[in-house]
Amino acid sequence: MNTGTAAERAAVTERYLNLLKSGGSDYPMDLLKKAGVDLTLRTTVQSVVDQMDELVSLLETEAAKIK
């Protein structure tokens, strides 16, 4: 996971906050695009799948510790 520079993180945070502020003022896919997330692109969807896979693996590792 790339954390980026402080300026990049600030820009991402600003886009995210604007997404939250927009509420339901437009179609969800359009709001996401304005926030910099284009779910019509295979690479974007694959990134989400990869992140979810990483989180599930982490959860499995932690769950195995409490058995």
Protein backbone atom coordinates (compact mmCIF):
# COMPACT_ATOMS: atom_id res chain seq x y z
CA MET A 1 0.00 0.00 0.00
CA ASN A 2 1.47 3.32 -1.12
CA THR A 3 1.03 6.07 1.47
CA GLY A 4 2.38 8.87 -0.75
CA THR A 5 3.74 12.22 0.30
CA ALA A 6 2.08 14.51 2.80
CA ALA A 7 0.75 16.67 -0.04
CA GLU A 8 -0.68 13.63 -1.83
CA ARG A 9 -2.33 12.39 1.37
CA ALA A 10 -3.81 15.85 1.96
CA ALA A 11 -5.23 15.92 -1.58
CA VAL A 12 -6.75 12.46 -1.16
CA THR A 13 -8.22 13.48 2.18
CA GLU A 14 -9.73 16.60 0.62
CA ARG A 15 -11.30 14.59 -2.23
CA TYR A 16 -12.69 12.09 0.29
CA LEU A 17 -14.19 14.83 2.46
CA ASN A 18 -15.75 16.43 -0.63
CA LEU A 19 -17.24 13.04 -1.53
CA LEU A 20 -18.78 12.78 1.94
CA LYS A 21 -20.06 16.36 1.77
CA SER A 22 -21.72 15.72 -1.58
CA GLY A 23 -24.13 13.25 0.00
CA GLY A 24 -26.47 11.86 -2.63
CA SER A 25 -26.28 14.88 -4.91
CA ASP A 26 -25.32 12.81 -7.97
CA TYR A 27 -25.10 9.21 -9.14
CA PRO A 28 -22.67 7.21 -6.95
CA MET A 29 -20.32 6.34 -9.85
CA ASP A 30 -20.14 10.02 -10.84
CA LEU A 31 -19.40 11.08 -7.27
CA LEU A 32 -16.63 8.50 -7.03
CA LYS A 33 -15.11 9.69 -10.31
CA LYS A 34 -15.06 13.25 -8.96
CA ALA A 35 -13.22 11.88 -5.92
CA GLY A 36 -10.65 10.23 -8.18
CA VAL A 37 -12.01 6.67 -8.10
CA ASP A 38 -13.12 5.25 -11.45
CA LEU A 39 -14.77 1.89 -10.84
CA THR A 40 -15.29 1.42 -14.56
CA LEU A 41 -11.56 0.69 -14.89
CA ARG A 42 -10.38 -2.88 -14.43
CA THR A 43 -7.22 -1.67 -12.66
CA THR A 44 -9.26 0.16 -10.02
CA VAL A 45 -11.47 -2.86 -9.34
CA GLN A 46 -8.40 -5.12 -9.20
CA SER A 47 -6.81 -2.79 -6.65
CA VAL A 48 -9.91 -3.07 -4.47
CA VAL A 49 -9.89 -6.87 -4.80
CA ASP A 50 -6.18 -6.99 -3.92
CA GLN A 51 -6.71 -4.83 -0.83
CA MET A 52 -9.65 -6.94 0.30
CA ASP A 53 -7.57 -10.10 -0.19
CA GLU A 54 -4.81 -8.61 1.95
CA LEU A 55 -7.29 -7.68 4.70
CA VAL A 56 -8.91 -11.13 4.68
CA SER A 57 -5.47 -12.76 4.93
CA LEU A 58 -4.61 -10.52 7.86
CA LEU A 59 -7.92 -11.36 9.54
CA GLU A 60 -7.30 -15.08 9.05
CA THR A 61 -3.84 -14.75 10.59
CA GLU A 62 -5.18 -12.89 13.61
CA ALA A 63 -8.14 -15.28 14.02
CA ALA A 64 -5.77 -18.26 14.02
CA LYS A 65 -3.95 -16.73 17.01
CA ILE A 66 -7.08 -16.81 19.20
CA LYS A 67 -8.00 -20.46 18.60
